[in-house]
Amino acid sequence: MSLWINYNRCIKTGNCYRDFPELFKEKDDSFPEVLNADPEGDAHDDATWARSNCPGYAVRLGEEDTEQVIPD
C-alpha cells in the first residue's frame, strides 16, 4: 500500500508533517512531501491516522490516483 498526497485536495494546514515528521516533511512551498511511501507496522497505523484526520482529505493510502497534480 502506498502513502501519497493528492495535491489537488491539499489545503496546506501542515497537520501531517507536524504530527508525523517520520512520514512527512514540509516543502519550500508549504506542501507536504511523503518521506515513507510504504509504511509498515506502527508507521502504517500513523499513516492511517494521518489519512483519517487530514482536513483536505489529501493524504491517501492505497493506489495512486491518475488525476494527481504535482504543484509547481
N, C-alpha and C. Protein backbone atom coordinates (compact mmCIF):
# COMPACT_ATOMS: atom_id res chain seq x y z
N MET A 1 0.84 -1.17 0.00
CA MET A 1 0.00 0.00 0.00
C MET A 1 0.89 1.24 0.00
N SER A 2 0.53 2.21 -0.78
CA SER A 2 1.37 3.39 -0.96
C SER A 2 0.76 4.62 -0.27
N LEU A 3 1.61 5.37 0.42
CA LEU A 3 1.21 6.63 1.05
C LEU A 3 1.58 7.75 0.11
N TRP A 4 0.63 8.64 -0.18
CA TRP A 4 0.88 9.74 -1.09
C TRP A 4 -0.05 10.90 -0.80
N ILE A 5 0.21 12.03 -1.42
CA ILE A 5 -0.59 13.26 -1.24
C ILE A 5 -1.29 13.59 -2.55
N ASN A 6 -2.59 13.85 -2.46
CA ASN A 6 -3.33 14.39 -3.61
C ASN A 6 -3.24 15.91 -3.48
N TYR A 7 -2.34 16.51 -4.26
CA TYR A 7 -2.09 17.94 -4.15
C TYR A 7 -3.27 18.79 -4.62
N ASN A 8 -4.19 18.22 -5.36
CA ASN A 8 -5.41 18.95 -5.74
C ASN A 8 -6.29 19.21 -4.52
N ARG A 9 -6.18 18.37 -3.52
CA ARG A 9 -7.03 18.49 -2.34
C ARG A 9 -6.32 19.15 -1.15
N CYS A 10 -5.00 19.19 -1.18
CA CYS A 10 -4.22 19.68 -0.03
C CYS A 10 -4.49 21.16 0.22
N ILE A 11 -4.78 21.49 1.49
CA ILE A 11 -5.02 22.89 1.87
C ILE A 11 -3.89 23.44 2.75
N LYS A 12 -2.78 22.71 2.83
CA LYS A 12 -1.54 23.15 3.47
C LYS A 12 -1.69 23.51 4.95
N THR A 13 -2.46 22.74 5.71
CA THR A 13 -2.56 23.02 7.14
C THR A 13 -1.30 22.60 7.88
N GLY A 14 -0.57 21.63 7.34
CA GLY A 14 0.65 21.16 7.98
C GLY A 14 0.43 20.12 9.06
N ASN A 15 -0.81 19.71 9.26
CA ASN A 15 -1.08 18.72 10.31
C ASN A 15 -0.25 17.46 10.12
N CYS A 16 -0.13 17.00 8.89
CA CYS A 16 0.57 15.73 8.62
C CYS A 16 2.04 15.82 9.01
N TYR A 17 2.75 16.86 8.58
CA TYR A 17 4.17 16.92 8.89
C TYR A 17 4.47 17.37 10.31
N ARG A 18 3.55 18.07 10.96
CA ARG A 18 3.75 18.41 12.37
C ARG A 18 3.49 17.19 13.26
N ASP A 19 2.45 16.42 12.94
CA ASP A 19 2.10 15.27 13.77
C ASP A 19 2.95 14.03 13.48
N PHE A 20 3.40 13.88 12.24
CA PHE A 20 4.14 12.68 11.84
C PHE A 20 5.38 13.03 11.01
N PRO A 21 6.40 13.63 11.67
CA PRO A 21 7.60 14.02 10.93
C PRO A 21 8.39 12.84 10.37
N GLU A 22 8.10 11.63 10.83
CA GLU A 22 8.76 10.46 10.28
C GLU A 22 8.14 10.04 8.94
N LEU A 23 6.93 10.54 8.65
CA LEU A 23 6.23 10.20 7.41
C LEU A 23 6.20 11.33 6.39
N PHE A 24 6.22 12.58 6.88
CA PHE A 24 6.06 13.75 6.01
C PHE A 24 7.04 14.85 6.40
N LYS A 25 7.36 15.69 5.44
CA LYS A 25 8.10 16.92 5.74
C LYS A 25 7.48 18.06 4.95
N GLU A 26 7.73 19.27 5.40
CA GLU A 26 7.23 20.45 4.69
C GLU A 26 8.20 20.84 3.59
N LYS A 27 7.67 21.03 2.39
CA LYS A 27 8.48 21.50 1.28
C LYS A 27 8.53 23.03 1.32
N ASP A 28 9.38 23.62 0.51
CA ASP A 28 9.54 25.08 0.48
C ASP A 28 8.24 25.81 0.17
N ASP A 29 7.33 25.16 -0.58
CA ASP A 29 6.05 25.78 -0.94
C ASP A 29 4.95 25.48 0.06
N SER A 30 5.31 24.92 1.22
CA SER A 30 4.39 24.56 2.31
C SER A 30 3.53 23.34 2.05
N PHE A 31 3.67 22.71 0.89
CA PHE A 31 3.00 21.44 0.67
C PHE A 31 3.78 20.36 1.40
N PRO A 32 3.10 19.29 1.81
CA PRO A 32 3.81 18.17 2.43
C PRO A 32 4.49 17.30 1.39
N GLU A 33 5.55 16.64 1.82
CA GLU A 33 6.23 15.65 1.00
C GLU A 33 6.27 14.35 1.79
N VAL A 34 5.95 13.26 1.14
CA VAL A 34 5.96 11.95 1.79
C VAL A 34 7.40 11.47 1.90
N LEU A 35 7.80 11.07 3.11
CA LEU A 35 9.14 10.54 3.34
C LEU A 35 9.18 9.02 3.32
N ASN A 36 8.07 8.40 3.67
CA ASN A 36 8.00 6.94 3.75
C ASN A 36 6.77 6.50 2.96
N ALA A 37 6.95 6.18 1.70
CA ALA A 37 5.82 5.87 0.82
C ALA A 37 5.21 4.49 1.08
N ASP A 38 5.94 3.63 1.76
CA ASP A 38 5.44 2.29 2.05
C ASP A 38 5.54 1.98 3.54
N PRO A 39 4.75 2.68 4.36
CA PRO A 39 4.86 2.49 5.81
C PRO A 39 4.38 1.10 6.25
N GLU A 40 5.05 0.57 7.25
CA GLU A 40 4.69 -0.74 7.80
C GLU A 40 4.62 -0.63 9.32
N GLY A 41 3.88 -1.52 9.93
CA GLY A 41 3.78 -1.57 11.39
C GLY A 41 3.18 -0.32 11.98
N ASP A 42 3.87 0.24 12.99
CA ASP A 42 3.38 1.45 13.65
C ASP A 42 3.29 2.62 12.66
N ALA A 43 4.21 2.67 11.71
CA ALA A 43 4.19 3.75 10.71
C ALA A 43 2.92 3.65 9.85
N HIS A 44 2.48 2.44 9.57
CA HIS A 44 1.23 2.27 8.81
C HIS A 44 0.05 2.77 9.63
N ASP A 45 0.06 2.47 10.92
CA ASP A 45 -1.00 2.97 11.80
C ASP A 45 -1.01 4.49 11.82
N ASP A 46 0.18 5.11 11.87
CA ASP A 46 0.27 6.57 11.84
C ASP A 46 -0.23 7.12 10.51
N ALA A 47 0.10 6.45 9.42
CA ALA A 47 -0.36 6.89 8.09
C ALA A 47 -1.88 6.81 8.00
N THR A 48 -2.46 5.78 8.58
CA THR A 48 -3.91 5.64 8.59
C THR A 48 -4.55 6.77 9.39
N TRP A 49 -3.94 7.11 10.53
CA TRP A 49 -4.45 8.23 11.34
C TRP A 49 -4.33 9.54 10.57
N ALA A 50 -3.19 9.76 9.92
CA ALA A 50 -2.98 10.99 9.15
C ALA A 50 -4.02 11.11 8.04
N ARG A 51 -4.30 10.00 7.37
CA ARG A 51 -5.31 10.00 6.30
C ARG A 51 -6.68 10.36 6.87
N SER A 52 -7.03 9.77 7.98
CA SER A 52 -8.35 9.99 8.58
C SER A 52 -8.54 11.40 9.11
N ASN A 53 -7.44 12.06 9.45
CA ASN A 53 -7.54 13.37 10.08
C ASN A 53 -7.07 14.53 9.21
N CYS A 54 -6.83 14.27 7.94
CA CYS A 54 -6.44 15.35 7.03
C CYS A 54 -7.67 16.19 6.70
N PRO A 55 -7.65 17.50 7.04
CA PRO A 55 -8.84 18.32 6.80
C PRO A 55 -9.18 18.50 5.32
N GLY A 56 -8.22 18.35 4.44
CA GLY A 56 -8.49 18.48 3.00
C GLY A 56 -8.66 17.14 2.31
N TYR A 57 -8.61 16.06 3.08
CA TYR A 57 -8.71 14.69 2.53
C TYR A 57 -7.66 14.46 1.45
N ALA A 58 -6.46 15.01 1.67
CA ALA A 58 -5.39 14.91 0.68
C ALA A 58 -4.44 13.75 0.93
N VAL A 59 -4.31 13.33 2.18
CA VAL A 59 -3.43 12.20 2.50
C VAL A 59 -4.13 10.92 2.04
N ARG A 60 -3.44 10.16 1.20
CA ARG A 60 -4.01 8.94 0.62
C ARG A 60 -3.15 7.74 0.97
N LEU A 61 -3.81 6.64 1.16
CA LEU A 61 -3.13 5.38 1.46
C LEU A 61 -3.75 4.33 0.56
N GLY A 62 -3.03 3.93 -0.46
CA GLY A 62 -3.54 2.98 -1.43
C GLY A 62 -2.96 3.27 -2.80
N GLU A 63 -3.65 2.86 -3.82
CA GLU A 63 -3.19 3.10 -5.19
C GLU A 63 -3.24 4.59 -5.52
N GLU A 64 -2.23 5.06 -6.24
CA GLU A 64 -2.20 6.46 -6.62
C GLU A 64 -3.29 6.79 -7.63
N ASP A 65 -3.85 7.96 -7.47
CA ASP A 65 -4.90 8.47 -8.34
C ASP A 65 -4.25 9.01 -9.62
N THR A 66 -4.78 8.65 -10.76
CA THR A 66 -4.21 9.13 -12.02
C THR A 66 -4.43 10.62 -12.24
N GLU A 67 -5.31 11.24 -11.45
CA GLU A 67 -5.58 12.68 -11.60
C GLU A 67 -4.73 13.52 -10.66
N GLN A 68 -3.81 12.91 -9.95
CA GLN A 68 -2.96 13.65 -9.02
C GLN A 68 -2.16 14.70 -9.77
N VAL A 69 -2.13 15.91 -9.23
CA VAL A 69 -1.38 17.01 -9.85
C VAL A 69 -0.30 17.43 -8.87
N ILE A 70 0.90 17.52 -9.35
CA ILE A 70 2.02 17.98 -8.53
C ILE A 70 2.11 19.49 -8.67
N PRO A 71 2.20 20.23 -7.53
CA PRO A 71 2.26 21.69 -7.62
C PRO A 71 3.55 22.14 -8.27
N ASP A 72 3.51 23.32 -8.87
CA ASP A 72 4.72 23.90 -9.50
C ASP A 72 5.74 24.27 -8.45
